[in-house]
């Protein structure tokens, strides 16, 4: 798919990021269906969903992958921690964050709203640093199972290609 961007981030000392999996950004993927994004995620087995905004501080989830779909408005987010990448997102965009990937809201329009969800409804933690030790954090991140479905396309889709350990594209060493 031409409108899927991949980004890799390294450990910055505070945010571990994910050494194996890229962030996936599906640009303008939802079109007019952006208001239905939470339902789309749920139909694709990305559950434990919510609708709100994005925290305005650097954080990550060490025990779950996360998908964010922009329902309305626009925002600037920073991915990968303080030395990461700043990205403009808008209604219809979807971001898939592998476990460990830092994300933060920088600024947004007043009406900005996103839906978030997790593969098979996994519970998630919210971490802001590696105070419990980087070895422990990285072990937890590497133990998070790969999703069996793409959050938009289900059993087909970009996630299944980009996060496939046999594709040779991700630097997996299993």
Protein backbone atom coordinates (compact mmCIF):
# COMPACT_ATOMS: atom_id res chain seq x y z
CA UNK A 1 0.00 0.00 0.00
CA UNK A 2 1.45 3.32 -1.06
CA UNK A 3 -0.09 5.29 1.79
CA UNK A 4 1.55 3.29 4.61
CA UNK A 5 4.66 4.82 6.12
CA UNK A 6 7.05 2.88 8.37
CA UNK A 7 9.29 4.37 11.05
CA UNK A 8 11.84 2.67 13.29
CA UNK A 9 13.00 4.16 16.58
CA UNK A 10 15.87 3.17 18.86
CA UNK A 11 16.06 3.26 22.64
CA UNK A 12 16.73 6.87 23.67
CA UNK A 13 17.58 6.05 27.29
CA UNK A 14 14.14 7.07 28.56
CA UNK A 15 11.77 5.57 26.00
CA UNK A 16 12.76 2.04 24.92
CA UNK A 17 10.85 2.03 21.62
CA UNK A 18 10.77 -1.28 19.78
CA UNK A 19 13.94 -2.78 18.31
CA UNK A 20 12.04 -5.24 16.10
CA UNK A 21 8.87 -3.65 14.77
CA UNK A 22 8.23 -0.41 12.86
CA UNK A 23 5.54 2.12 13.64
CA UNK A 24 2.98 1.99 10.84
CA UNK A 25 1.23 5.15 9.70
CA UNK A 26 -1.77 4.65 7.43
CA UNK A 27 -2.29 8.06 5.85
CA UNK A 28 -5.89 9.04 5.09
CA UNK A 29 -6.92 5.40 5.43
CA UNK A 30 -10.40 5.91 6.85
CA UNK A 31 -11.84 8.71 4.74
CA UNK A 32 -15.49 9.25 5.67
CA UNK A 33 -15.39 6.14 7.89
CA UNK A 34 -13.22 7.91 10.49
CA UNK A 35 -16.27 8.28 12.74
CA UNK A 36 -16.61 4.47 12.70
CA UNK A 37 -12.96 3.74 13.51
CA UNK A 38 -13.55 2.25 16.97
CA UNK A 39 -16.09 -0.18 15.48
CA UNK A 40 -13.68 -1.04 12.64
CA UNK A 41 -10.92 -1.81 15.16
CA UNK A 42 -13.29 -3.99 17.20
CA UNK A 43 -14.45 -5.93 14.11
CA UNK A 44 -10.77 -6.69 13.41
CA UNK A 45 -10.23 -8.04 16.97
CA UNK A 46 -8.48 -4.90 18.23
CA UNK A 47 -10.48 -4.43 21.42
CA UNK A 48 -10.38 -2.80 24.89
CA UNK A 49 -11.04 0.34 22.88
CA UNK A 50 -11.59 3.90 23.98
CA UNK A 51 -12.27 7.33 22.45
CA UNK A 52 -10.52 10.44 23.77
CA UNK A 53 -7.23 12.24 23.07
CA UNK A 54 -3.53 11.42 23.41
CA UNK A 55 -1.57 12.18 26.59
CA UNK A 56 0.54 15.34 26.34
CA UNK A 57 3.62 13.69 27.83
CA UNK A 58 6.00 11.04 26.50
CA UNK A 59 4.73 7.59 27.38
CA UNK A 60 4.68 4.05 26.06
CA UNK A 61 3.05 0.69 26.70
CA UNK A 62 5.50 -2.11 27.54
CA UNK A 63 2.95 -4.93 27.45
CA UNK A 64 0.71 -4.21 24.44
CA UNK A 65 0.72 -2.89 20.89
CA UNK A 66 -1.68 0.03 20.30
CA UNK A 67 -3.58 1.44 17.35
CA UNK A 68 -4.76 5.06 17.23
CA UNK A 69 -7.28 6.27 14.64
CA UNK A 70 -8.02 9.96 14.21
CA UNK A 71 -11.79 10.45 14.31
CA UNK A 72 -11.81 14.21 13.82
CA UNK A 73 -9.55 17.22 13.89
CA UNK A 74 -5.81 17.34 13.49
CA UNK A 75 -2.76 17.25 15.72
CA UNK A 76 0.99 17.17 15.94
CA UNK A 77 2.40 14.17 17.79
CA UNK A 78 5.92 13.13 18.64
CA UNK A 79 6.82 9.48 18.23
CA UNK A 80 9.91 7.76 19.59
CA UNK A 81 10.65 10.02 22.59
CA UNK A 82 12.43 13.38 22.87
CA UNK A 83 14.75 12.65 19.95
CA UNK A 84 12.02 10.99 17.88
CA UNK A 85 9.98 12.28 14.96
CA UNK A 86 7.26 14.93 14.99
CA UNK A 87 4.32 14.03 12.79
CA UNK A 88 1.18 15.87 11.65
CA UNK A 89 -1.93 13.68 11.77
CA UNK A 90 -5.50 14.38 10.72
CA UNK A 91 -8.94 12.84 10.49
CA UNK A 92 -8.71 9.50 8.69
CA UNK A 93 -5.11 8.71 9.70
CA UNK A 94 -4.23 5.57 11.67
CA UNK A 95 -1.03 4.92 13.64
CA UNK A 96 -0.04 1.43 14.80
CA UNK A 97 2.45 1.58 17.67
CA UNK A 98 4.45 -1.52 18.55
CA UNK A 99 4.87 -2.15 22.28
CA UNK A 100 7.52 0.15 23.75
CA UNK A 101 7.06 2.99 21.26
CA UNK A 102 6.95 6.45 22.79
CA UNK A 103 4.19 8.84 21.81
CA UNK A 104 3.09 12.30 22.95
CA UNK A 105 0.59 14.94 21.85
CA UNK A 106 2.34 18.22 21.04
CA UNK A 107 -0.68 20.27 19.94
CA UNK A 108 -4.12 19.70 18.49
CA UNK A 109 -7.22 21.35 17.14
CA UNK A 110 -10.03 21.86 19.67
CA UNK A 111 -12.14 19.06 18.18
CA UNK A 112 -9.28 16.52 17.97
CA UNK A 113 -10.42 13.04 18.93
CA UNK A 114 -8.88 9.59 18.49
CA UNK A 115 -9.95 6.02 19.13
CA UNK A 116 -7.44 3.54 20.49
CA UNK A 117 -7.46 -0.25 20.78
CA UNK A 118 -5.24 -3.26 21.49
CA UNK A 119 -4.91 -6.68 19.79
CA UNK A 120 -7.44 -9.10 21.28
CA UNK A 121 -8.27 -6.52 23.96
CA UNK A 122 -4.94 -6.80 25.76
CA UNK A 123 -4.57 -4.77 28.94
CA UNK A 124 -1.97 -2.05 28.74
CA UNK A 125 0.32 -0.24 31.13
CA UNK A 126 1.43 3.39 30.86
CA UNK A 127 5.16 3.96 31.32
CA UNK A 128 7.09 7.22 31.18
CA UNK A 129 10.64 5.93 31.68
CA UNK A 130 12.74 2.82 32.18
CA UNK A 131 13.03 3.16 35.97
CA UNK A 132 12.40 -0.56 36.49
CA UNK A 133 15.43 -1.39 34.35
CA UNK A 134 15.93 -1.58 30.61
CA UNK A 135 16.58 -5.34 30.59
CA UNK A 136 13.24 -6.02 32.28
CA UNK A 137 11.40 -3.58 29.97
CA UNK A 138 12.92 -5.05 26.79
CA UNK A 139 12.09 -8.61 27.89
CA UNK A 140 8.47 -7.56 28.43
CA UNK A 141 8.31 -5.79 25.04
CA UNK A 142 9.75 -8.80 23.20
CA UNK A 143 7.17 -11.08 24.87
CA UNK A 144 4.19 -9.16 23.50
CA UNK A 145 2.64 -11.45 20.87
CA UNK A 146 2.29 -10.32 17.28
CA UNK A 147 -1.30 -9.44 16.35
CA UNK A 148 -3.11 -11.99 14.21
CA UNK A 149 -5.04 -9.24 12.41
CA UNK A 150 -4.50 -5.81 10.92
CA UNK A 151 -6.59 -3.21 12.85
CA UNK A 152 -8.25 -1.93 9.63
CA UNK A 153 -8.17 -4.85 7.17
CA UNK A 154 -8.46 -7.86 9.48
CA UNK A 155 -6.77 -11.01 8.19
CA UNK A 156 -5.17 -9.08 5.32
CA UNK A 157 -3.35 -5.80 5.42
CA UNK A 158 -0.07 -3.95 5.79
CA UNK A 159 0.55 -4.86 9.43
CA UNK A 160 0.71 -8.57 8.59
CA UNK A 161 3.41 -7.86 6.00
CA UNK A 162 5.46 -5.28 7.90
CA UNK A 163 5.35 -7.16 11.21
CA UNK A 164 5.98 -10.60 9.71
CA UNK A 165 9.16 -12.13 11.15
CA UNK A 166 9.70 -14.19 7.98
CA UNK A 167 9.55 -11.24 5.56
CA UNK A 168 13.17 -10.31 6.34
CA UNK A 169 12.20 -6.64 6.39
CA UNK A 170 12.21 -6.05 10.13
CA UNK A 171 15.55 -7.34 11.32
CA UNK A 172 13.86 -10.05 13.39
CA UNK A 173 16.14 -12.56 15.00
CA UNK A 174 13.88 -15.26 16.38
